[in-house]
Amino acid sequence: MNSTSKCSDMVAEVVATISEGLMLVSPQGRIEMVNPALERLTGYSAAELIGQPCTILGCEACHEARKGAIGWCRLFERDTDSHKRCEIVRKDGVRVPVSKNARVVRKDGTIAGAVETFTDLSEVVERDRRIEALSRMLDSGAGFAGMVGSSQAMQRVFRIVERAAESDAPVLILGPSGSGKELVARAVHDLGPRQRGPFVPLNCSALNDALLESELFGHAKGSFSGAIRDRQGRFEAAHGGDLFLDEIGDLPPSIQVKLLRVLETKHIERVGENQSREVDVRIICATHRDLWSMVRMGAFREDLLYRINVIPVVLPALQERKEDIPLLATHFAAGIRQRTGKDIEGFTPEAMRSLTVYSWPGNVRELRSAVEYAFVLADSGRLGIAHLPQHIGYGTSTDCGPQGMVADAAVIDGAERGKQKGGSRGHGGRIIEYGGGAQDHSNVALTYQVPAVDESREGGSPASSKAQKFFSAGEEHIGVRTGETKTVGGDYGALQRHDAEVERDELVQALRVAGGNMTQAARILGVHRGTVRNRMLKHGIDLKKEIAARGWQLE
């Protein structure tokens, strides 16, 4: 075999491996050779194409190029490369969008033919169509009543919400934290006949029993200490509209009984009053808890559950509708871009891939926070992996937890971190670390770090001295020394209870050292005075009883 024959064989082998469709056309317009990729693209075999005019492919660009040509087409007359985006017709009649490149081939100075390549643009066209649909959705107010999602799960939610809005029956919204339950409640209100009435939300987990009863039903003047005037509750405020009770699973048993009565009679009585008042309110409830399990445990009334669970709306976790993540991320980015004015064009493919792979235990709320974070770091251009929180951009799908967020704080401002030596202000210096997977809470570690007090900052002030005494006194109770950490193992619920206990004890310690002065205690804890008061209410702390029970002396 001579060298020319070997070269021809090699060329034929190379042509056969090219992924783009390729054909060789004679100056008379006849197809002389095709590669396997063109056979797959057109549906024709090589035997069916070779010898046929190139017009067999029904290319629009070819039809135009033949108009006014002296020979077969103007490509051979211009002797220049041709780049066109057009459509060809497959053997089965289906039109396929392609990018076609053509170039004249010469041999010994004479035109020997033309080589044409075809790149299938079907996926590109489909992507452009989806982007256009997304743009229309963003321009038209972000999906369905403020909710974004094209997945089947969300389309089902949209249909149920639309039907629920037409009814006046109670609605129960179920779903994990951060999945958008309040958005659904707002949509039910805005799309229903009560849209002209008020929409009154109340978080049932934010108040203790006494305050929650007053918030729901109102109170009469003098009904308890501090009730200096009559006050209407949320039921009266929502008259003619909708009352949204968020975290209904945290409703105390004593309030559950009264709520059930109101739902049955449509009448309320203010605290400290025996006058019955009629209310016209539709109830919308939401919770992330398993109410049926709570009923079996005796923590939630079965009759109340049946009363509020007339129209259930179940929201999927973000991990169960990952196809919506690009839509949501783009939607959030568009809103933040409009608000901040930053010239940010979107996400890089790598960043979007990281967003899609991550498990999102915090659901849509966590995704929005991640996009906000990326906008803080980025100045312009596209958002990349480096702009995402570390546990999302560089971690795995299960590497999610506050440890990544703590690490990211150094990226934002190391100087600001230096101002808060030993921990985060407002949290008693506690640093919470989670170990284990996003969905596996069997191996969770909770670390508390007691901050050392920098007396030079306070100039040896009484507040500094009392803070040092507070944390010194805390050593014995919490079981750590200043600046050290203690890790407590256990299940997730136990850690939450432990967290609440530590918060309560820290508050009592601070109040003790401050001599019962809430302002001074707030300085010791590094929080606002109102936070101290709210925590006292939250934990039901009576300072005098607490000190007497523990046998402590005020300093």
Foldseek 3Di string as FASTA:
>chain_A
DDPVVVVVVVVLVVQQPDQWWKFWAFQQQFTADIHVNVCVVQVHDRVVRGRDGPCVFVWPVLVVQCPPDPHRGCCVVVQDKDWDWTWTAHPVGDIFTWIKIKGFDDDPNHTGTMMMTIHTCPVVVVVVVVVVVLVVCLVVQAPQQNDHDDDPLVVVLSVLLLVLLADLAFEEEEEAAQLCLVSSVVSSFCNHPLVVFDEAEDEQLQFDDVVSLCQAAWAADPLDPPRNHTDGHRQQNRASGEYEYEAPLNHAPVVLVQVLVCLVPQWGAHRPGDDIDHGHYRYYYYHHDDVVVCVVVVRHPPVSCVRNHPRYRYGYFCLVRLVRQQSLLVSLLVVVCVVPVAAEDEADPLLSVLSSQARPLNGSNVSSVQSVQLVLPDRHYYRYLVSGQCCRSPNGNFSDDCVSVVVCVVVNPPVVVVVVAQADAPLQSFDADFDDGSVDQQWGKGKGAHADQDVVVVVVDPLSVLLNVLQVVVCVVVVHHHGDMDIDTDGPVVVVVVSLVVVVVSLLSLCQSVVNDLCSSCSSRRHHSVVSVSSCRSVVDDNVVVCVVVVHHRD
